């Protein structure tokens, strides 16, 4: 009985190490953790709060470089929530901070 338990534990550890589940396409994140909009300087130093149109253009510019589309979900106040799509498939959901230009994945 002791040997069976050790065998099962060893198998579980080995398979757990070899098989990984990636939430992003091809195992790479679409939006790096806490990335910034190229229209603002690094580390959240926009001079003024962006308008909704400027924010939309900034997100489109950022994700078009990666070959992705942006669909705005909610816009109101300081934050904008958007879906990032590749071939009509949602691959990420982000929150864009209009004051700092910060892009955060919530998916």
PDB file of N, CA and C in Angstrom:
ATOM      1  N   UNK A   1       0.825  -1.193   0.000  1.00  0.00           N
ATOM      2  CA  UNK A   1       0.000   0.000   0.000  1.00  0.00           C
ATOM      3  C   UNK A   1       0.870   1.258   0.000  1.00  0.00           C
ATOM      4  N   UNK A   2       1.945   1.217   0.755  1.00  0.00           N
ATOM      5  CA  UNK A   2       2.854   2.355   0.854  1.00  0.00           C
ATOM      6  C   UNK A   2       3.494   2.644  -0.506  1.00  0.00           C
ATOM      7  N   UNK A   3       3.870   1.573  -1.227  1.00  0.00           N
ATOM      8  CA  UNK A   3       4.512   1.739  -2.532  1.00  0.00           C
ATOM      9  C   UNK A   3       3.542   2.312  -3.572  1.00  0.00           C
ATOM     10  N   UNK A   4       2.305   1.938  -3.497  1.00  0.00           N
ATOM     11  CA  UNK A   4       1.291   2.464  -4.426  1.00  0.00           C
ATOM     12  C   UNK A   4       1.098   3.963  -4.197  1.00  0.00           C
ATOM     13  N   UNK A   5       1.053   4.372  -2.937  1.00  0.00           N
ATOM     14  CA  UNK A   5       0.883   5.793  -2.621  1.00  0.00           C
ATOM     15  C   UNK A   5       2.082   6.608  -3.124  1.00  0.00           C
ATOM     16  N   UNK A   6       3.292   6.087  -2.937  1.00  0.00           N
ATOM     17  CA  UNK A   6       4.495   6.774  -3.412  1.00  0.00           C
ATOM     18  C   UNK A   6       4.494   6.842  -4.932  1.00  0.00           C
ATOM     19  N   UNK A   7       4.105   5.737  -5.586  1.00  0.00           N
ATOM     20  CA  UNK A   7       4.037   5.705  -7.052  1.00  0.00           C
ATOM     21  C   UNK A   7       3.036   6.730  -7.582  1.00  0.00           C
ATOM     22  N   UNK A   8       1.857   6.791  -7.002  1.00  0.00           N
ATOM     23  CA  UNK A   8       0.838   7.741  -7.436  1.00  0.00           C
ATOM     24  C   UNK A   8       1.275   9.188  -7.209  1.00  0.00           C
ATOM     25  N   UNK A   9       1.907   9.452  -6.106  1.00  0.00           N
ATOM     26  CA  UNK A   9       2.402  10.794  -5.813  1.00  0.00           C
ATOM     27  C   UNK A   9       3.483  11.202  -6.810  1.00  0.00           C
ATOM     28  N   UNK A  10       4.388  10.288  -7.118  1.00  0.00           N
ATOM     29  CA  UNK A  10       5.449  10.561  -8.089  1.00  0.00           C
ATOM     30  C   UNK A  10       4.866  10.836  -9.473  1.00  0.00           C
ATOM     31  N   UNK A  11       3.917  10.024  -9.896  1.00  0.00           N
ATOM     32  CA  UNK A  11       3.268  10.231 -11.199  1.00  0.00           C
ATOM     33  C   UNK A  11       2.553  11.575 -11.252  1.00  0.00           C
ATOM     34  N   UNK A  12       1.867  11.919 -10.201  1.00  0.00           N
ATOM     35  CA  UNK A  12       1.152  13.193 -10.154  1.00  0.00           C
ATOM     36  C   UNK A  12       2.117  14.364 -10.270  1.00  0.00           C
ATOM     37  N   UNK A  13       3.214  14.319  -9.570  1.00  0.00           N
ATOM     38  CA  UNK A  13       4.209  15.389  -9.632  1.00  0.00           C
ATOM     39  C   UNK A  13       4.844  15.489 -11.016  1.00  0.00           C
ATOM     40  N   UNK A  14       5.179  14.362 -11.612  1.00  0.00           N
ATOM     41  CA  UNK A  14       5.798  14.374 -12.934  1.00  0.00           C
ATOM     42  C   UNK A  14       4.850  14.930 -13.997  1.00  0.00           C
ATOM     43  N   UNK A  15       3.615  14.468 -13.995  1.00  0.00           N
ATOM     44  CA  UNK A  15       2.663  14.963 -14.986  1.00  0.00           C
ATOM     45  C   UNK A  15       2.294  16.422 -14.740  1.00  0.00           C
ATOM     46  N   UNK A  16       2.275  16.820 -13.501  1.00  0.00           N
ATOM     47  CA  UNK A  16       1.982  18.220 -13.179  1.00  0.00           C
ATOM     48  C   UNK A  16       3.065  19.167 -13.656  1.00  0.00           C
ATOM     49  N   UNK A  17       4.290  18.704 -13.685  1.00  0.00           N
ATOM     50  CA  UNK A  17       5.398  19.536 -14.148  1.00  0.00           C
ATOM     51  C   UNK A  17       5.434  19.607 -15.669  1.00  0.00           C
ATOM     52  N   UNK A  18       5.144  18.501 -16.354  1.00  0.00           N
ATOM     53  CA  UNK A  18       5.259  18.459 -17.813  1.00  0.00           C
ATOM     54  C   UNK A  18       4.109  19.143 -18.525  1.00  0.00           C
ATOM     55  N   UNK A  19       2.913  19.080 -17.996  1.00  0.00           N
ATOM     56  CA  UNK A  19       1.753  19.630 -18.677  1.00  0.00           C
ATOM     57  C   UNK A  19       1.367  20.956 -18.048  1.00  0.00           C
ATOM     58  N   UNK A  20       1.368  21.997 -18.872  1.00  0.00           N
ATOM     59  CA  UNK A  20       0.991  23.322 -18.405  1.00  0.00           C
ATOM     60  C   UNK A  20      -0.237  23.784 -19.163  1.00  0.00           C
ATOM     61  N   UNK A  21      -1.036  24.573 -18.528  1.00  0.00           N
ATOM     62  CA  UNK A  21      -2.199  25.147 -19.176  1.00  0.00           C
ATOM     63  C   UNK A  21      -1.947  26.634 -19.331  1.00  0.00           C
ATOM     64  N   UNK A  22      -2.059  27.116 -20.558  1.00  0.00           N
ATOM     65  CA  UNK A  22      -1.838  28.521 -20.836  1.00  0.00           C
ATOM     66  C   UNK A  22      -3.169  29.195 -21.134  1.00  0.00           C
ATOM     67  N   UNK A  23      -3.408  30.318 -20.506  1.00  0.00           N
ATOM     68  CA  UNK A  23      -4.639  31.057 -20.736  1.00  0.00           C
ATOM     69  C   UNK A  23      -4.525  31.977 -21.932  1.00  0.00           C
ATOM     70  N   UNK A  24      -3.323  32.148 -22.464  1.00  0.00           N
ATOM     71  CA  UNK A  24      -3.105  33.057 -23.574  1.00  0.00           C
ATOM     72  C   UNK A  24      -2.794  32.276 -24.825  1.00  0.00           C
ATOM     73  N   UNK A  25      -2.856  32.941 -25.948  1.00  0.00           N
ATOM     74  CA  UNK A  25      -2.540  32.282 -27.209  1.00  0.00           C
ATOM     75  C   UNK A  25      -1.054  31.949 -27.259  1.00  0.00           C
ATOM     76  N   UNK A  26      -0.744  30.768 -27.699  1.00  0.00           N
ATOM     77  CA  UNK A  26       0.614  30.288 -27.878  1.00  0.00           C
ATOM     78  C   UNK A  26       1.448  30.374 -26.597  1.00  0.00           C
ATOM     79  N   UNK A  27       0.810  30.425 -25.440  1.00  0.00           N
ATOM     80  CA  UNK A  27       1.533  30.439 -24.186  1.00  0.00           C
ATOM     81  C   UNK A  27       2.149  31.776 -23.815  1.00  0.00           C
ATOM     82  N   UNK A  28       1.921  32.812 -24.612  1.00  0.00           N
ATOM     83  CA  UNK A  28       2.474  34.132 -24.312  1.00  0.00           C
ATOM     84  C   UNK A  28       1.335  35.081 -23.980  1.00  0.00           C
ATOM     85  N   UNK A  29       1.512  35.966 -23.016  1.00  0.00           N
ATOM     86  CA  UNK A  29       0.441  36.901 -22.689  1.00  0.00           C
ATOM     87  C   UNK A  29       0.226  37.928 -23.800  1.00  0.00           C
ATOM     88  N   UNK A  30      -1.028  38.280 -24.016  1.00  0.00           N
ATOM     89  CA  UNK A  30      -1.376  39.298 -25.005  1.00  0.00           C
ATOM     90  C   UNK A  30      -1.008  40.671 -24.469  1.00  0.00           C
ATOM     91  N   UNK A  31      -1.346  40.907 -23.213  1.00  0.00           N
ATOM     92  CA  UNK A  31      -1.020  42.161 -22.560  1.00  0.00           C
ATOM     93  C   UNK A  31      -0.075  41.859 -21.406  1.00  0.00           C
ATOM     94  N   UNK A  32       1.172  42.293 -21.507  1.00  0.00           N
ATOM     95  CA  UNK A  32       2.079  42.073 -20.378  1.00  0.00           C
ATOM     96  C   UNK A  32       1.508  42.704 -19.108  1.00  0.00           C
ATOM     97  N   UNK A  33       1.812  42.123 -17.974  1.00  0.00           N
ATOM     98  CA  UNK A  33       1.233  42.587 -16.719  1.00  0.00           C
ATOM     99  C   UNK A  33       1.531  44.061 -16.486  1.00  0.00           C
ATOM    100  N   UNK A  34       0.481  44.880 -16.491  1.00  0.00           N
ATOM    101  CA  UNK A  34       0.620  46.296 -16.188  1.00  0.00           C
ATOM    102  C   UNK A  34       1.383  47.086 -17.230  1.00  0.00           C
ATOM    103  N   UNK A  35       1.116  46.836 -18.509  1.00  0.00           N
ATOM    104  CA  UNK A  35       1.795  47.575 -19.573  1.00  0.00           C
ATOM    105  C   UNK A  35       1.213  48.983 -19.681  1.00  0.00           C
ATOM    106  N   UNK A  36       1.919  49.871 -20.376  1.00  0.00           N
ATOM    107  CA  UNK A  36       1.495  51.255 -20.499  1.00  0.00           C
ATOM    108  C   UNK A  36       1.234  51.617 -21.945  1.00  0.00           C
ATOM    109  N   UNK A  37       0.335  52.544 -22.130  1.00  0.00           N
ATOM    110  CA  UNK A  37      -0.015  53.068 -23.444  1.00  0.00           C
ATOM    111  C   UNK A  37       1.185  53.831 -24.019  1.00  0.00           C
ATOM    112  N   UNK A  38       1.474  53.650 -25.313  1.00  0.00           N
ATOM    113  CA  UNK A  38       2.612  54.369 -25.893  1.00  0.00           C
ATOM    114  C   UNK A  38       2.397  55.883 -26.012  1.00  0.00           C
ATOM    115  N   UNK A  39       1.165  56.341 -25.892  1.00  0.00           N
ATOM    116  CA  UNK A  39       0.893  57.779 -25.981  1.00  0.00           C
ATOM    117  C   UNK A  39       1.243  58.515 -24.696  1.00  0.00           C
ATOM    118  N   UNK A  40       1.355  57.788 -23.601  1.00  0.00           N
ATOM    119  CA  UNK A  40       1.780  58.372 -22.327  1.00  0.00           C
ATOM    120  C   UNK A  40       3.205  57.917 -22.059  1.00  0.00           C
ATOM    121  N   UNK A  41       3.883  58.635 -21.227  1.00  0.00           N
ATOM    122  CA  UNK A  41       5.233  58.231 -20.840  1.00  0.00           C
ATOM    123  C   UNK A  41       5.143  57.014 -19.933  1.00  0.00           C
ATOM    124  N   UNK A  42       6.255  56.381 -19.673  1.00  0.00           N
ATOM    125  CA  UNK A  42       6.272  55.204 -18.808  1.00  0.00           C
ATOM    126  C   UNK A  42       5.845  55.567 -17.382  1.00  0.00           C
ATOM    127  N   UNK A  43       5.320  54.575 -16.696  1.00  0.00           N
ATOM    128  CA  UNK A  43       4.966  54.669 -15.276  1.00  0.00           C
ATOM    129  C   UNK A  43       3.839  55.662 -14.989  1.00  0.00           C
ATOM    130  N   UNK A  44       2.894  55.759 -15.905  1.00  0.00           N
ATOM    131  CA  UNK A  44       1.679  56.507 -15.631  1.00  0.00           C
ATOM    132  C   UNK A  44       1.863  57.987 -15.455  1.00  0.00           C
ATOM    133  N   UNK A  45       2.457  58.624 -16.430  1.00  0.00           N
ATOM    134  CA  UNK A  45       2.654  60.062 -16.297  1.00  0.00           C
ATOM    135  C   UNK A  45       2.062  60.825 -17.478  1.00  0.00           C
ATOM    136  N   UNK A  46       0.780  60.579 -17.779  1.00  0.00           N
ATOM    137  CA  UNK A  46       0.084  61.380 -18.786  1.00  0.00           C
ATOM    138  C   UNK A  46      -0.079  62.791 -18.214  1.00  0.00           C
ATOM    139  N   UNK A  47       0.056  63.774 -19.077  1.00  0.00           N
ATOM    140  CA  UNK A  47      -0.063  65.154 -18.595  1.00  0.00           C
ATOM    141  C   UNK A  47      -1.495  65.510 -18.238  1.00  0.00           C
ATOM    142  N   UNK A  48      -2.448  65.023 -19.024  1.00  0.00           N
ATOM    143  CA  UNK A  48      -3.869  65.238 -18.731  1.00  0.00           C
ATOM    144  C   UNK A  48      -4.598  63.924 -18.962  1.00  0.00           C
ATOM    145  N   UNK A  49      -5.804  63.838 -18.417  1.00  0.00           N
ATOM    146  CA  UNK A  49      -6.608  62.632 -18.607  1.00  0.00           C
ATOM    147  C   UNK A  49      -7.048  62.564 -20.071  1.00  0.00           C
ATOM    148  N   UNK A  50      -6.947  61.378 -20.665  1.00  0.00           N
ATOM    149  CA  UNK A  50      -7.309  61.190 -22.073  1.00  0.00           C
ATOM    150  C   UNK A  50      -8.821  61.232 -22.247  1.00  0.00           C
ATOM    151  N   UNK A  51      -9.250  61.708 -23.405  1.00  0.00           N
ATOM    152  CA  UNK A  51     -10.675  61.630 -23.741  1.00  0.00           C
ATOM    153  C   UNK A  51     -10.981  60.189 -24.130  1.00  0.00           C
ATOM    154  N   UNK A  52     -12.270  59.857 -24.236  1.00  0.00           N
ATOM    155  CA  UNK A  52     -12.650  58.505 -24.627  1.00  0.00           C
ATOM    156  C   UNK A  52     -12.155  58.187 -26.032  1.00  0.00           C
ATOM    157  N   UNK A  53     -12.223  59.170 -26.932  1.00  0.00           N
ATOM    158  CA  UNK A  53     -11.751  58.952 -28.311  1.00  0.00           C
ATOM    159  C   UNK A  53     -10.242  58.738 -28.358  1.00  0.00           C
ATOM    160  N   UNK A  54      -9.487  59.542 -27.615  1.00  0.00           N
ATOM    161  CA  UNK A  54      -8.034  59.361 -27.567  1.00  0.00           C
ATOM    162  C   UNK A  54      -7.669  57.996 -26.976  1.00  0.00           C
ATOM    163  N   UNK A  55      -8.403  57.582 -25.964  1.00  0.00           N
ATOM    164  CA  UNK A  55      -8.156  56.281 -25.343  1.00  0.00           C
ATOM    165  C   UNK A  55      -8.423  55.153 -26.322  1.00  0.00           C
ATOM    166  N   UNK A  56      -9.519  55.277 -27.064  1.00  0.00           N
ATOM    167  CA  UNK A  56      -9.866  54.260 -28.055  1.00  0.00           C
ATOM    168  C   UNK A  56      -8.770  54.163 -29.122  1.00  0.00           C
ATOM    169  N   UNK A  57      -8.308  55.307 -29.608  1.00  0.00           N
ATOM    170  CA  UNK A  57      -7.243  55.319 -30.622  1.00  0.00           C
ATOM    171  C   UNK A  57      -5.949  54.720 -30.067  1.00  0.00           C
ATOM    172  N   UNK A  58      -5.647  55.027 -28.812  1.00  0.00           N
ATOM    173  CA  UNK A  58      -4.428  54.497 -28.187  1.00  0.00           C
ATOM    174  C   UNK A  58      -4.486  52.976 -28.077  1.00  0.00           C
ATOM    175  N   UNK A  59      -5.640  52.437 -27.669  1.00  0.00           N
ATOM    176  CA  UNK A  59      -5.780  50.986 -27.559  1.00  0.00           C
ATOM    177  C   UNK A  59      -5.708  50.324 -28.928  1.00  0.00           C
ATOM    178  N   UNK A  60      -6.352  50.918 -29.921  1.00  0.00           N
ATOM    179  CA  UNK A  60      -6.314  50.356 -31.276  1.00  0.00           C
ATOM    180  C   UNK A  60      -4.886  50.348 -31.801  1.00  0.00           C
ATOM    181  N   UNK A  61      -4.158  51.448 -31.608  1.00  0.00           N
ATOM    182  CA  UNK A  61      -2.763  51.506 -32.054  1.00  0.00           C
ATOM    183  C   UNK A  61      -1.910  50.444 -31.358  1.00  0.00           C
ATOM    184  N   UNK A  62      -2.116  50.288 -30.057  1.00  0.00           N
ATOM    185  CA  UNK A  62      -1.323  49.337 -29.271  1.00  0.00           C
ATOM    186  C   UNK A  62      -1.552  47.902 -29.745  1.00  0.00           C
ATOM    187  N   UNK A  63      -2.817  47.523 -29.957  1.00  0.00           N
ATOM    188  CA  UNK A  63      -3.126  46.141 -30.299  1.00  0.00           C
ATOM    189  C   UNK A  63      -3.038  45.846 -31.791  1.00  0.00           C
ATOM    190  N   UNK A  64      -3.117  46.849 -32.658  1.00  0.00           N
ATOM    191  CA  UNK A  64      -2.951  46.600 -34.087  1.00  0.00           C
ATOM    192  C   UNK A  64      -1.533  46.154 -34.400  1.00  0.00           C
ATOM    193  N   UNK A  65      -0.564  46.622 -33.650  1.00  0.00           N
ATOM    194  CA  UNK A  65       0.820  46.169 -33.826  1.00  0.00           C
ATOM    195  C   UNK A  65       0.946  44.670 -33.592  1.00  0.00           C
ATOM    196  N   UNK A  66       0.054  44.122 -32.782  1.00  0.00           N
ATOM    197  CA  UNK A  66       0.070  42.694 -32.466  1.00  0.00           C
ATOM    198  C   UNK A  66      -0.894  41.913 -33.356  1.00  0.00           C
ATOM    199  N   UNK A  67      -1.585  42.600 -34.267  1.00  0.00           N
ATOM    200  CA  UNK A  67      -2.527  41.946 -35.165  1.00  0.00           C
ATOM    201  C   UNK A  67      -3.852  41.599 -34.514  1.00  0.00           C
ATOM    202  N   UNK A  68      -4.272  42.387 -33.520  1.00  0.00           N
ATOM    203  CA  UNK A  68      -5.498  42.110 -32.768  1.00  0.00           C
ATOM    204  C   UNK A  68      -6.482  43.257 -32.923  1.00  0.00           C
ATOM    205  N   UNK A  69      -7.754  42.967 -32.628  1.00  0.00           N
ATOM    206  CA  UNK A  69      -8.818  43.970 -32.694  1.00  0.00           C
ATOM    207  C   UNK A  69      -9.291  44.326 -31.298  1.00  0.00           C
ATOM    208  N   UNK A  70      -9.805  45.546 -31.162  1.00  0.00           N
ATOM    209  CA  UNK A  70     -10.306  46.038 -29.878  1.00  0.00           C
ATOM    210  C   UNK A  70     -11.793  46.315 -30.000  1.00  0.00           C
ATOM    211  N   UNK A  71     -12.560  45.817 -29.016  1.00  0.00           N
ATOM    212  CA  UNK A  71     -13.996  46.098 -28.945  1.00  0.00           C
ATOM    213  C   UNK A  71     -14.295  46.674 -27.569  1.00  0.00           C
ATOM    214  N   UNK A  72     -14.704  47.929 -27.518  1.00  0.00           N
ATOM    215  CA  UNK A  72     -14.990  48.571 -26.236  1.00  0.00           C
ATOM    216  C   UNK A  72     -16.259  47.993 -25.644  1.00  0.00           C
ATOM    217  N   UNK A  73     -16.222  47.703 -24.343  1.00  0.00           N
ATOM    218  CA  UNK A  73     -17.374  47.170 -23.632  1.00  0.00           C
ATOM    219  C   UNK A  73     -18.055  48.265 -22.819  1.00  0.00           C
ATOM    220  N   UNK A  74     -17.317  48.835 -21.904  1.00  0.00           N
ATOM    221  CA  UNK A  74     -17.858  49.862 -21.012  1.00  0.00           C
ATOM    222  C   UNK A  74     -16.909  51.034 -20.986  1.00  0.00           C
ATOM    223  N   UNK A  75     -17.464  52.211 -21.103  1.00  0.00           N
ATOM    224  CA  UNK A  75     -16.637  53.394 -20.927  1.00  0.00           C
ATOM    225  C   UNK A  75     -17.408  54.374 -20.065  1.00  0.00           C
ATOM    226  N   UNK A  76     -16.768  54.781 -19.023  1.00  0.00           N
ATOM    227  CA  UNK A  76     -17.394  55.700 -18.096  1.00  0.00           C
ATOM    228  C   UNK A  76     -16.423  55.981 -16.971  1.00  0.00           C
ATOM    229  N   UNK A  77     -16.290  57.223 -16.643  1.00  0.00           N
ATOM    230  CA  UNK A  77     -15.353  57.569 -15.587  1.00  0.00           C
ATOM    231  C   UNK A  77     -13.924  57.435 -16.047  1.00  0.00           C
ATOM    232  N   UNK A  78     -13.086  57.015 -15.156  1.00  0.00           N
ATOM    233  CA  UNK A  78     -11.652  56.956 -15.417  1.00  0.00           C
ATOM    234  C   UNK A  78     -11.222  55.732 -16.222  1.00  0.00           C
ATOM    235  N   UNK A  79     -11.976  54.631 -16.145  1.00  0.00           N
ATOM    236  CA  UNK A  79     -11.563  53.377 -16.746  1.00  0.00           C
ATOM    237  C   UNK A  79     -12.425  52.985 -17.938  1.00  0.00           C
ATOM    238  N   UNK A  80     -11.810  52.277 -18.879  1.00  0.00           N
ATOM    239  CA  UNK A  80     -12.513  51.731 -20.032  1.00  0.00           C
ATOM    240  C   UNK A  80     -12.237  50.235 -20.051  1.00  0.00           C
ATOM    241  N   UNK A  81     -13.292  49.460 -20.202  1.00  0.00           N
ATOM    242  CA  UNK A  81     -13.157  48.007 -20.294  1.00  0.00           C
ATOM    243  C   UNK A  81     -13.307  47.621 -21.757  1.00  0.00           C
ATOM    244  N   UNK A  82     -12.417  46.768 -22.253  1.00  0.00           N
ATOM    245  CA  UNK A  82     -12.440  46.383 -23.664  1.00  0.00           C
ATOM    246  C   UNK A  82     -12.104  44.907 -23.827  1.00  0.00           C
ATOM    247  N   UNK A  83     -12.649  44.322 -24.901  1.00  0.00           N
ATOM    248  CA  UNK A  83     -12.325  42.949 -25.270  1.00  0.00           C
ATOM    249  C   UNK A  83     -11.291  42.997 -26.381  1.00  0.00           C
ATOM    250  N   UNK A  84     -10.300  42.148 -26.281  1.00  0.00           N
ATOM    251  CA  UNK A  84      -9.278  42.028 -27.310  1.00  0.00           C
ATOM    252  C   UNK A  84      -9.582  40.743 -28.069  1.00  0.00           C
ATOM    253  N   UNK A  85      -9.720  40.871 -29.393  1.00  0.00           N
ATOM    254  CA  UNK A  85     -10.147  39.736 -30.210  1.00  0.00           C
ATOM    255  C   UNK A  85      -9.132  39.409 -31.293  1.00  0.00           C
ATOM    256  N   UNK A  86      -9.095  38.132 -31.602  1.00  0.00           N
ATOM    257  CA  UNK A  86      -8.321  37.635 -32.727  1.00  0.00           C
ATOM    258  C   UNK A  86      -9.253  36.727 -33.522  1.00  0.00           C
ATOM    259  N   UNK A  87      -9.569  37.129 -34.746  1.00  0.00           N
ATOM    260  CA  UNK A  87     -10.499  36.375 -35.596  1.00  0.00           C
ATOM    261  C   UNK A  87     -11.837  36.135 -34.893  1.00  0.00           C
ATOM    262  N   UNK A  88     -12.435  37.168 -34.332  1.00  0.00           N
ATOM    263  CA  UNK A  88     -13.726  37.129 -33.637  1.00  0.00           C
ATOM    264  C   UNK A  88     -13.739  36.223 -32.410  1.00  0.00           C
ATOM    265  N   UNK A  89     -12.583  35.882 -31.896  1.00  0.00           N
ATOM    266  CA  UNK A  89     -12.490  35.088 -30.667  1.00  0.00           C
ATOM    267  C   UNK A  89     -11.849  35.960 -29.594  1.00  0.00           C
ATOM    268  N   UNK A  90     -12.515  36.086 -28.442  1.00  0.00           N
ATOM    269  CA  UNK A  90     -11.982  36.897 -27.344  1.00  0.00           C
ATOM    270  C   UNK A  90     -10.773  36.183 -26.754  1.00  0.00           C
ATOM    271  N   UNK A  91      -9.633  36.876 -26.750  1.00  0.00           N
ATOM    272  CA  UNK A  91      -8.427  36.290 -26.184  1.00  0.00           C
ATOM    273  C   UNK A  91      -7.948  37.026 -24.946  1.00  0.00           C
ATOM    274  N   UNK A  92      -8.536  38.205 -24.679  1.00  0.00           N
ATOM    275  CA  UNK A  92      -8.169  38.950 -23.477  1.00  0.00           C
ATOM    276  C   UNK A  92      -9.243  39.994 -23.200  1.00  0.00           C
ATOM    277  N   UNK A  93      -9.392  40.340 -21.949  1.00  0.00           N
ATOM    278  CA  UNK A  93     -10.253  41.447 -21.527  1.00  0.00           C
ATOM    279  C   UNK A  93      -9.377  42.373 -20.707  1.00  0.00           C
ATOM    280  N   UNK A  94      -9.411  43.651 -21.031  1.00  0.00           N
ATOM    281  CA  UNK A  94      -8.508  44.605 -20.379  1.00  0.00           C
ATOM    282  C   UNK A  94      -9.276  45.747 -19.747  1.00  0.00           C
ATOM    283  N   UNK A  95      -8.596  46.427 -18.840  1.00  0.00           N
ATOM    284  CA  UNK A  95      -9.060  47.705 -18.297  1.00  0.00           C
ATOM    285  C   UNK A  95      -7.992  48.724 -18.640  1.00  0.00           C
ATOM    286  N   UNK A  96      -8.423  49.820 -19.230  1.00  0.00           N
ATOM    287  CA  UNK A  96      -7.519  50.901 -19.623  1.00  0.00           C
ATOM    288  C   UNK A  96      -7.771  52.098 -18.715  1.00  0.00           C
ATOM    289  N   UNK A  97      -6.739  52.575 -18.055  1.00  0.00           N
ATOM    290  CA  UNK A  97      -6.833  53.724 -17.159  1.00  0.00           C
ATOM    291  C   UNK A  97      -6.538  54.989 -17.972  1.00  0.00           C
ATOM    292  N   UNK A  98      -7.530  55.849 -18.119  1.00  0.00           N
ATOM    293  CA  UNK A  98      -7.380  57.046 -18.950  1.00  0.00           C
ATOM    294  C   UNK A  98      -6.449  58.080 -18.323  1.00  0.00           C
ATOM    295  N   UNK A  99      -6.267  58.048 -17.043  1.00  0.00           N
ATOM    296  CA  UNK A  99      -5.407  59.029 -16.376  1.00  0.00           C
ATOM    297  C   UNK A  99      -3.925  58.669 -16.493  1.00  0.00           C
ATOM    298  N   UNK A 100      -3.605  57.396 -16.314  1.00  0.00           N
ATOM    299  CA  UNK A 100      -2.205  56.991 -16.319  1.00  0.00           C
ATOM    300  C   UNK A 100      -1.766  56.316 -17.613  1.00  0.00           C
ATOM    301  N   UNK A 101      -2.717  55.858 -18.423  1.00  0.00           N
ATOM    302  CA  UNK A 101      -2.378  55.136 -19.643  1.00  0.00           C
ATOM    303  C   UNK A 101      -2.029  53.684 -19.389  1.00  0.00           C
ATOM    304  N   UNK A 102      -2.346  53.178 -18.215  1.00  0.00           N
ATOM    305  CA  UNK A 102      -2.003  51.806 -17.850  1.00  0.00           C
ATOM    306  C   UNK A 102      -3.017  50.826 -18.435  1.00  0.00           C
ATOM    307  N   UNK A 103      -2.522  49.716 -18.951  1.00  0.00           N
ATOM    308  CA  UNK A 103      -3.352  48.656 -19.531  1.00  0.00           C
ATOM    309  C   UNK A 103      -3.184  47.424 -18.672  1.00  0.00           C
ATOM    310  N   UNK A 104      -4.306  46.916 -18.125  1.00  0.00           N
ATOM    311  CA  UNK A 104      -4.260  45.737 -17.250  1.00  0.00           C
ATOM    312  C   UNK A 104      -5.193  44.660 -17.778  1.00  0.00           C
ATOM    313  N   UNK A 105      -4.709  43.454 -17.857  1.00  0.00           N
ATOM    314  CA  UNK A 105      -5.535  42.325 -18.254  1.00  0.00           C
ATOM    315  C   UNK A 105      -6.341  41.837 -17.052  1.00  0.00           C
ATOM    316  N   UNK A 106      -7.620  41.551 -17.263  1.00  0.00           N
ATOM    317  CA  UNK A 106      -8.450  41.010 -16.190  1.00  0.00           C
ATOM    318  C   UNK A 106      -9.009  39.647 -16.578  1.00  0.00           C
ATOM    319  N   UNK A 107      -8.483  39.057 -17.618  1.00  0.00           N
ATOM    320  CA  UNK A 107      -8.994  37.789 -18.161  1.00  0.00           C
ATOM    321  C   UNK A 107      -8.328  36.631 -17.512  1.00  0.00           C
TER     322      UNK A 107
END
